[in-house]
Protein backbone atom coordinates (compact mmCIF):
# COMPACT_ATOMS: atom_id res chain seq x y z
CA UNK A 1 -0.04 -0.10 -0.15
CA UNK A 2 1.81 3.53 -1.02
CA UNK A 3 1.58 6.23 1.11
CA UNK A 4 -1.34 7.89 -0.80
CA UNK A 5 -3.18 4.64 -0.94
CA UNK A 6 -2.94 4.63 2.96
CA UNK A 7 -4.33 8.18 3.63
CA UNK A 8 -7.27 7.45 1.51
CA UNK A 9 -7.93 3.73 2.89
CA UNK A 10 -7.75 6.15 6.61
CA UNK A 11 -10.69 8.02 4.90
CA UNK A 12 -8.29 11.32 4.83
CA UNK A 13 -8.47 12.73 1.37
CA UNK A 14 -11.91 14.51 0.36
CA UNK A 15 -10.77 17.28 -1.88
CA UNK A 16 -7.63 16.72 -4.13
CA UNK A 17 -5.99 20.42 -5.99
CA UNK A 18 -3.00 19.63 -7.86
CA UNK A 19 -1.82 17.04 -10.63
CA UNK A 20 0.73 14.36 -9.38
CA UNK A 21 -0.27 15.33 -5.97
CA UNK A 22 0.02 11.49 -5.49
CA UNK A 23 3.54 11.19 -7.06
CA UNK A 24 4.58 13.59 -4.23
CA UNK A 25 3.57 12.05 -1.44
CA UNK A 26 4.59 8.83 -2.43
CA UNK A 27 8.43 9.34 -4.20
CA UNK A 28 9.28 12.72 -2.72
CA UNK A 29 10.09 14.78 0.52
CA UNK A 30 8.18 17.45 0.38
CA UNK A 31 7.14 20.81 2.40
CA UNK A 32 3.54 21.26 3.77
CA UNK A 33 1.89 23.16 6.14
CA UNK A 34 -1.65 23.32 8.21
CA UNK A 35 -2.71 26.24 9.87
CA UNK A 36 -5.08 27.19 13.08
CA UNK A 37 -6.36 30.20 14.25
CA UNK A 38 -5.90 31.00 18.36
CA UNK A 39 -9.27 31.46 19.28
CA UNK A 40 -8.46 29.95 22.42
CA UNK A 41 -5.68 29.00 24.47
CA UNK A 42 -5.75 25.28 23.39
CA UNK A 43 -6.44 23.20 20.37
CA UNK A 44 -9.21 21.05 20.84
CA UNK A 45 -9.65 17.32 19.81
CA UNK A 46 -11.56 18.62 16.88
CA UNK A 47 -8.31 19.78 15.43
CA UNK A 48 -6.75 16.73 16.16
CA UNK A 49 -7.53 14.99 13.07
CA UNK A 50 -5.76 17.64 11.28
CA UNK A 51 -2.56 17.57 13.69
CA UNK A 52 -2.41 13.66 13.10
CA UNK A 53 -2.60 13.60 9.75
CA UNK A 54 0.61 16.10 9.69
CA UNK A 55 2.11 13.96 12.08
CA UNK A 56 1.50 11.11 9.81
CA UNK A 57 2.52 13.11 6.65
CA UNK A 58 6.13 13.50 8.37
CA UNK A 59 6.38 10.11 9.43
CA UNK A 60 6.03 9.33 6.03
CA UNK A 61 9.35 11.85 5.32
CA UNK A 62 7.26 15.26 4.92
CA UNK A 63 8.27 18.21 6.31
CA UNK A 64 5.68 20.14 8.39
CA UNK A 65 5.20 23.77 8.67
CA UNK A 66 1.96 24.51 11.72
CA UNK A 67 0.94 27.64 11.22
CA UNK A 68 -0.75 29.85 14.13
CA UNK A 69 -2.31 32.35 12.40
CA UNK A 70 -1.67 35.70 14.49
CA UNK A 71 -2.68 38.02 11.90
CA UNK A 72 -5.55 35.99 10.72
CA UNK A 73 -6.92 34.88 14.02
CA UNK A 74 -7.50 38.88 14.09
CA UNK A 75 -10.05 38.56 11.87
CA UNK A 76 -11.60 35.37 12.13
CA UNK A 77 -12.32 32.66 9.59
CA UNK A 78 -16.03 33.02 8.22
CA UNK A 79 -18.33 31.02 9.91
CA UNK A 80 -21.30 29.48 8.23
CA UNK A 81 -23.96 31.24 10.24
CA UNK A 82 -21.85 34.72 11.99
CA UNK A 83 -19.38 36.39 12.53
CA UNK A 84 -16.71 35.49 14.95
CA UNK A 85 -16.17 37.31 18.10
CA UNK A 86 -13.27 39.63 18.15
CA UNK A 87 -10.96 38.68 21.12
CA UNK A 88 -8.28 41.18 22.11
CA UNK A 89 -4.72 41.48 20.78
CA UNK A 90 -3.54 40.36 24.47
CA UNK A 91 -5.50 37.64 24.65
CA UNK A 92 -4.88 36.78 20.88
CA UNK A 93 -1.16 36.71 21.65
CA UNK A 94 -1.34 34.72 24.93
CA UNK A 95 -3.19 31.80 22.93
CA UNK A 96 -0.37 32.19 20.36
CA UNK A 97 2.65 31.18 22.84
CA UNK A 98 0.27 28.41 24.25
CA UNK A 99 -0.80 26.63 20.96
CA UNK A 100 2.60 26.90 19.65
CA UNK A 101 4.51 25.08 22.74
CA UNK A 102 1.28 22.53 23.05
CA UNK A 103 1.93 21.85 19.02
CA UNK A 104 5.86 21.90 19.97
CA UNK A 105 5.39 19.13 22.13
CA UNK A 106 3.10 16.84 19.83
CA UNK A 107 5.66 17.09 17.48
CA UNK A 108 8.53 16.50 19.70
CA UNK A 109 9.89 19.48 18.57
CA UNK A 110 10.47 18.23 14.73
CA UNK A 111 7.61 20.63 12.92
CA UNK A 112 8.96 24.06 12.14
CA UNK A 113 6.27 26.59 13.54
CA UNK A 114 5.39 30.15 12.37
CA UNK A 115 3.06 32.90 12.99
CA UNK A 116 1.58 34.89 10.07
CA UNK A 117 1.70 38.13 11.94
CA UNK A 118 5.40 38.22 11.32
CA UNK A 119 4.93 38.77 7.41
CA UNK A 120 1.84 40.57 7.93
CA UNK A 121 2.50 43.37 10.57
CA UNK A 122 4.66 45.57 7.67
CA UNK A 123 2.72 44.91 4.72
CA UNK A 124 1.23 48.04 3.79
CA UNK A 125 -2.70 48.10 2.90
CA UNK A 126 -2.45 49.45 -0.44
CA UNK A 127 0.40 47.33 -1.48
CA UNK A 128 -1.46 44.22 -0.65
CA UNK A 129 -4.54 45.28 -2.70
CA UNK A 130 -2.05 45.91 -5.51
CA UNK A 131 0.25 42.81 -5.15
CA UNK A 132 -2.94 40.26 -4.36
CA UNK A 133 -5.86 42.02 -4.24
CA UNK A 134 -5.75 42.20 -8.15
CA UNK A 135 -5.19 38.75 -8.73
CA UNK A 136 -8.61 37.26 -7.03
CA UNK A 137 -11.90 37.88 -8.48
CA UNK A 138 -14.85 39.27 -6.52
CA UNK A 139 -17.12 36.34 -8.50
CA UNK A 140 -14.34 33.91 -7.76
CA UNK A 141 -14.33 34.50 -4.32
CA UNK A 142 -18.65 34.68 -3.30
CA UNK A 143 -19.02 31.60 -5.93
CA UNK A 144 -16.73 29.43 -2.76
CA UNK A 145 -19.44 27.93 -0.42
CA UNK A 146 -18.49 29.16 3.07
CA UNK A 147 -18.87 33.02 1.41
CA UNK A 148 -21.85 31.98 -0.73
CA UNK A 149 -23.73 30.77 2.12
CA UNK A 150 -23.42 34.28 4.14
CA UNK A 151 -24.33 36.64 1.43
CA UNK A 152 -28.24 36.23 2.08
CA UNK A 153 -27.69 36.91 5.92
CA UNK A 154 -24.75 39.98 5.43
CA UNK A 155 -20.93 39.35 5.77
CA UNK A 156 -18.26 41.94 6.87
CA UNK A 157 -15.23 43.31 4.83
CA UNK A 158 -13.24 41.96 7.07
CA UNK A 159 -14.58 38.18 7.07
CA UNK A 160 -14.65 38.36 3.05
CA UNK A 161 -11.28 39.76 2.99
CA UNK A 162 -9.87 36.55 4.92
CA UNK A 163 -9.58 33.98 1.90
CA UNK A 164 -7.28 36.70 0.36
CA UNK A 165 -4.83 36.70 3.78
CA UNK A 166 -4.90 32.84 3.98
CA UNK A 167 -4.54 32.70 0.04
CA UNK A 168 -1.35 34.56 0.67
CA UNK A 169 0.06 32.72 3.64
CA UNK A 170 0.41 29.86 0.74
CA UNK A 171 1.98 31.77 -1.56
CA UNK A 172 4.57 33.70 1.19
CA UNK A 173 5.32 30.00 2.39
CA UNK A 174 5.58 28.76 -0.93
CA UNK A 175 8.36 31.90 -1.61
CA UNK A 176 9.81 31.41 1.85
CA UNK A 177 10.36 27.88 2.67
CA UNK A 178 9.59 25.82 -0.80
CA UNK A 179 6.15 24.89 0.98
CA UNK A 180 4.16 23.38 -1.88
CA UNK A 181 0.91 21.52 -0.41
CA UNK A 182 -1.49 22.53 2.27
CA UNK A 183 -3.76 20.32 4.26
CA UNK A 184 -7.00 21.42 5.81
CA UNK A 185 -9.95 20.39 6.88
CA UNK A 186 -12.84 20.16 4.30
CA UNK A 187 -14.27 23.66 5.33
CA UNK A 188 -10.35 25.11 4.16
CA UNK A 189 -11.11 24.03 0.83
CA UNK A 190 -11.70 27.50 -1.15
CA UNK A 191 -8.88 29.00 0.99
CA UNK A 192 -6.68 26.34 -0.07
CA UNK A 193 -7.19 27.06 -3.72
CA UNK A 194 -7.41 30.65 -3.49
CA UNK A 195 -3.46 30.00 -2.34
CA UNK A 196 -2.81 27.54 -5.31
CA UNK A 197 -4.82 30.03 -7.70
CA UNK A 198 -1.96 32.62 -6.47
CA UNK A 199 0.82 30.77 -6.51
CA UNK A 200 0.05 29.87 -10.33
CA UNK A 201 -0.88 33.80 -11.60
CA UNK A 202 2.28 35.04 -9.73
CA UNK A 203 4.61 32.12 -10.12
CA UNK A 204 3.77 30.55 -12.67
CA UNK A 205 4.40 27.68 -10.92
CA UNK A 206 2.27 24.39 -9.50
CA UNK A 207 1.14 23.75 -6.06
CA UNK A 208 -1.13 21.04 -4.22
CA UNK A 209 -3.67 20.68 -1.45
CA UNK A 210 -6.41 18.34 -0.12
CA UNK A 211 -8.58 18.66 2.75
CA UNK A 212 -9.87 15.55 5.03
CA UNK A 213 -13.74 14.41 5.40
CA UNK A 214 -15.16 16.30 8.96
CA UNK A 215 -14.81 13.50 11.57
CA UNK A 216 -18.12 13.24 13.32
CA UNK A 217 -19.71 11.34 16.46
CA UNK A 218 -22.53 9.19 15.65
CA UNK A 219 -24.81 11.64 16.38
CA UNK A 220 -24.14 13.44 13.26
CA UNK A 221 -21.90 16.44 15.82
CA UNK A 222 -18.43 17.19 15.50
CA UNK A 223 -16.12 14.74 16.73
CA UNK A 224 -14.16 16.24 20.04
CA UNK A 225 -17.10 18.01 21.31
CA UNK A 226 -18.96 16.78 24.59
CA UNK A 227 -22.55 18.52 25.49
CA UNK A 228 -21.29 21.68 23.41
CA UNK A 229 -18.07 22.24 25.47
CA UNK A 230 -14.72 20.76 23.47
CA UNK A 231 -12.43 18.44 25.17
CA UNK A 232 -9.21 20.43 24.97
CA UNK A 233 -5.78 18.83 24.23
CA UNK A 234 -4.27 20.78 26.66
CA UNK A 235 -4.06 18.00 29.87
CA UNK A 236 -4.92 21.00 32.61
CA UNK A 237 -8.23 21.83 30.51
CA UNK A 238 -9.27 18.54 29.93
CA UNK A 239 -7.53 15.69 31.69
CA UNK A 240 -6.53 12.72 30.36
CA UNK A 241 -9.25 10.75 32.61
CA UNK A 242 -12.03 12.91 30.64
CA UNK A 243 -10.18 11.99 27.20
CA UNK A 244 -10.47 8.42 28.61
CA UNK A 245 -13.98 8.47 29.75
CA UNK A 246 -15.38 10.71 26.30
CA UNK A 247 -13.22 8.08 23.99
CA UNK A 248 -14.31 4.49 25.68
CA UNK A 249 -17.45 5.47 25.08
CA UNK A 250 -17.30 5.39 21.43
CA UNK A 251 -20.31 4.07 19.46
CA UNK A 252 -19.43 0.91 18.07
CA UNK A 253 -20.51 1.90 14.53
CA UNK A 254 -18.03 4.66 14.40
CA UNK A 255 -14.83 3.42 16.30
CA UNK A 256 -13.15 1.47 13.44
CA UNK A 257 -13.24 4.71 11.68
CA UNK A 258 -11.42 6.66 14.39
CA UNK A 259 -8.98 4.02 14.35
CA UNK A 260 -8.14 4.61 11.17
CA UNK A 261 -7.76 8.49 11.67
CA UNK A 262 -6.62 8.98 15.03
CA UNK A 263 -3.85 6.46 15.74
CA UNK A 264 -0.98 4.99 14.29
CA UNK A 265 -1.97 1.44 13.99
CA UNK A 266 -1.12 -0.49 10.33
CA UNK A 267 -4.05 -1.41 8.46
CA UNK A 268 -3.61 -4.89 9.49
CA UNK A 269 -3.20 -4.02 13.34
CA UNK A 270 -6.37 -2.36 12.78
CA UNK A 271 -8.29 -5.14 10.67
CA UNK A 272 -7.20 -7.32 13.16
CA UNK A 273 -8.30 -5.49 16.31
CA UNK A 274 -11.44 -5.14 14.57
CA UNK A 275 -11.91 -8.69 14.18
CA UNK A 276 -11.38 -9.32 17.59
CA UNK A 277 -13.60 -6.04 18.43
CA UNK A 278 -16.63 -7.77 16.99
CA UNK A 279 -16.34 -11.01 18.89
CA UNK A 280 -16.63 -9.86 21.64
CA UNK A 281 -17.76 -6.17 21.47
CA UNK A 282 -18.91 -6.02 25.29
CA UNK A 283 -15.29 -5.46 26.09
CA UNK A 284 -14.33 -2.50 24.33
CA UNK A 285 -11.23 -3.74 22.66
CA UNK A 286 -11.08 -1.16 20.13
CA UNK A 287 -12.27 1.50 22.19
CA UNK A 288 -9.74 0.70 25.09
CA UNK A 289 -7.22 1.15 22.14
CA UNK A 290 -7.90 4.32 20.61
CA UNK A 291 -8.18 5.78 23.94
CA UNK A 292 -4.28 4.29 24.70
CA UNK A 293 -3.36 5.84 21.24
CA UNK A 294 -4.88 9.34 21.31
CA UNK A 295 -4.12 10.15 25.14
CA UNK A 296 -0.71 8.36 24.92
CA UNK A 297 0.13 10.63 21.99
CA UNK A 298 -1.11 13.85 23.23
CA UNK A 299 -0.32 13.61 27.25
CA UNK A 300 2.21 10.51 27.34
CA UNK A 301 2.05 7.09 29.00
CA UNK A 302 2.10 8.11 32.76
CA UNK A 303 -0.90 10.18 32.07
CA UNK A 304 -2.59 7.37 30.31
CA UNK A 305 -2.00 4.92 32.89
CA UNK A 306 -3.08 7.04 35.27
CA UNK A 307 -6.61 7.37 33.45
CA UNK A 308 -6.77 3.77 33.14
CA UNK A 309 -6.60 3.40 37.03
CA UNK A 310 -8.70 6.10 38.07
CA UNK A 311 -11.54 4.88 35.74
CA UNK A 312 -11.09 1.20 36.67
CA UNK A 313 -10.64 2.25 40.24
CA UNK A 314 -14.17 3.84 39.86
CA UNK A 315 -15.70 0.53 38.32
CA UNK A 316 -14.52 -1.63 40.77
CA UNK A 317 -15.60 0.91 43.71
CA UNK A 318 -12.02 0.88 45.22
CA UNK A 319 -11.35 4.50 46.13
CA UNK A 320 -8.74 3.39 48.71
CA UNK A 321 -6.21 3.76 46.25
CA UNK A 322 -7.23 7.44 45.73
CA UNK A 323 -5.14 10.56 46.03
CA UNK A 324 -6.55 13.98 46.61
CA UNK A 325 -5.33 14.81 43.07
CA UNK A 326 -6.91 11.72 41.74
CA UNK A 327 -10.51 12.49 43.04
CA UNK A 328 -10.13 15.99 41.70
CA UNK A 329 -9.51 14.69 38.07
CA UNK A 330 -12.06 12.30 38.62
CA UNK A 331 -15.03 14.24 40.05
CA UNK A 332 -13.91 17.31 38.44
CA UNK A 333 -16.94 19.84 38.14
CA UNK A 334 -18.96 17.81 40.85
CA UNK A 335 -19.60 20.53 43.81
CA UNK A 336 -18.30 18.87 47.24
CA UNK A 337 -20.15 19.34 50.28
CA UNK A 338 -18.26 21.12 52.32
CA UNK A 339 -17.53 19.90 56.08
CA UNK A 340 -17.08 21.74 59.10
CA UNK A 341 -16.39 19.63 61.52
CA UNK A 342 -16.66 16.10 61.93
CA UNK A 343 -20.36 14.33 61.99
CA UNK A 344 -22.22 11.06 62.47
CA UNK A 345 -22.57 9.07 59.62
CA UNK A 346 -26.81 8.93 59.22
CA UNK A 347 -26.65 13.16 59.86
CA UNK A 348 -23.72 13.50 56.92
CA UNK A 349 -26.14 11.74 54.51
CA UNK A 350 -29.15 13.84 54.59
CA UNK A 351 -26.75 17.13 55.47
CA UNK A 352 -25.16 16.37 52.08
CA UNK A 353 -28.66 15.37 50.47
CA UNK A 354 -27.15 11.84 49.35
CA UNK A 355 -30.22 10.42 51.50
CA UNK A 356 -34.01 12.42 51.61
CA UNK A 357 -34.43 11.53 55.63
CA UNK A 358 -32.91 9.84 58.45
CA UNK A 359 -35.17 6.93 57.59
CA UNK A 360 -34.03 6.28 54.05
CA UNK A 361 -30.09 6.69 55.38
CA UNK A 362 -30.87 4.40 58.00
CA UNK A 363 -32.16 1.92 55.36
CA UNK A 364 -29.50 2.78 53.05
CA UNK A 365 -26.42 1.63 55.86
CA UNK A 366 -28.40 -1.38 56.86
CA UNK A 367 -28.92 -2.93 53.45
CA UNK A 368 -25.12 -2.14 52.64
CA UNK A 369 -25.93 0.45 49.96
CA UNK A 370 -23.50 3.05 51.46
CA UNK A 371 -19.41 3.30 51.26
CA UNK A 372 -16.71 5.77 52.21
CA UNK A 373 -13.93 5.89 50.33
CA UNK A 374 -14.62 2.20 49.00
CA UNK A 375 -15.37 0.41 52.72
CA UNK A 376 -18.74 -0.42 53.23
CA UNK A 377 -20.55 1.32 55.88
CA UNK A 378 -23.35 -0.43 57.88
CA UNK A 379 -23.20 1.02 61.66
CA UNK A 380 -25.40 3.78 62.21
CA UNK A 381 -22.94 5.60 64.69
CA UNK A 382 -19.91 5.81 62.30
CA UNK A 383 -18.18 8.96 63.06
CA UNK A 384 -17.02 10.86 59.96
CA UNK A 385 -13.37 12.61 60.69
CA UNK A 386 -10.61 14.04 59.02
CA UNK A 387 -8.53 10.81 60.00
CA UNK A 388 -11.33 9.38 57.41
CA UNK A 389 -10.68 11.38 54.70
CA UNK A 390 -8.07 11.19 51.89
CA UNK A 391 -5.11 13.23 53.10
CA UNK A 392 -7.78 14.88 55.56
CA UNK A 393 -9.43 16.50 52.56
CA UNK A 394 -11.57 14.30 50.50
CA UNK A 395 -14.24 11.73 51.76
CA UNK A 396 -16.06 10.07 48.36
CA UNK A 397 -19.28 8.24 49.80
CA UNK A 398 -21.00 5.63 47.19
CA UNK A 399 -24.77 5.15 47.49
CA UNK A 400 -25.28 1.72 45.40
CA UNK A 401 -23.05 0.79 42.89
CA UNK A 402 -22.70 4.00 40.57
CA UNK A 403 -23.96 7.12 42.37
CA UNK A 404 -21.04 9.32 43.80
CA UNK A 405 -20.85 12.51 46.22
CA UNK A 406 -17.86 14.55 47.16
CA UNK A 407 -17.48 15.84 51.06
CA UNK A 408 -14.49 18.01 51.39
CA UNK A 409 -13.20 19.67 54.78
CA UNK A 410 -12.40 22.97 54.61
CA UNK A 411 -8.83 23.89 54.98
């Protein structure tokens, strides 16, 4: 299987521009780029399909340039429905730094990192219109899908100009770095072809590009979104445990697709794994491998193992092995009940709204349905003290098999 055949087998090729791109990817070592605007201080899982495709091309022997749009981020790529919110220059610059560090870590320092503000900051507006604007026809721009969809509802001149700016990025990097190919998500097709058009008209040379299909979950939502919230690649914003929980619950109908897109497993390894998975789907072997590959690539082996430990501990109900840090990760977003003083277990169950009444609390305790830090409690006189708490701070109470509640002592 050639490099190009593998990219297609993995479902990574949607739109293609440039005669001979297949030969370039199969037989040459070329420089290509992928770009993103710094709209946040971290990339999210939705970006990861593009990032890992760039990393895959690097492993195939090509040279990646990762562009963080300090210039384009000041305007905002047109969205299908409305204009993007403009963020402050200070916040944008901070985001650029954070994303550059993140990309550098993912690519082990082997990818060239650039910021398009570096070549736009001194470019005179009139010069830009003379040098670039005259080569791109307005009819050509309005025919692009993302622009065309906004014409009825309205689009600002700033957004409309975005295509020219990103097109110039490709031209600039073609001239400066011999970058001959751009690789992006399918929503960037119009911007890619604009850059190729500029290179052809101004330099008389051929450039290349391809887009990747949009990755969706089983409900048709963008991959990497959870109830409207992005799953961030930054471990401080989205823990490895949170990523593990999202990935382990991947629908069976999508897991093979994700293994092809998001892992470096060979086609033979994926096919064998799917055969095993389909024999015993309840074991979720494919989902577990997906989680292991992604988390290890993003956060490292130690973080993956810790995420697995937290997940298995919660599944088995053995909280005794948890540290305070494990509890904060596993129960992130759950507001703990704050305990001021030591108290009786029955009173705590009622005060923390774990049980609706003392009668119900006694019933749960009597039938062995209450566990404190993994220990089953049946004694109605059991006292909750700091010595019971994990690191004298947290108490995890499980009611039944799956309902967890957090109690925390004040500092």
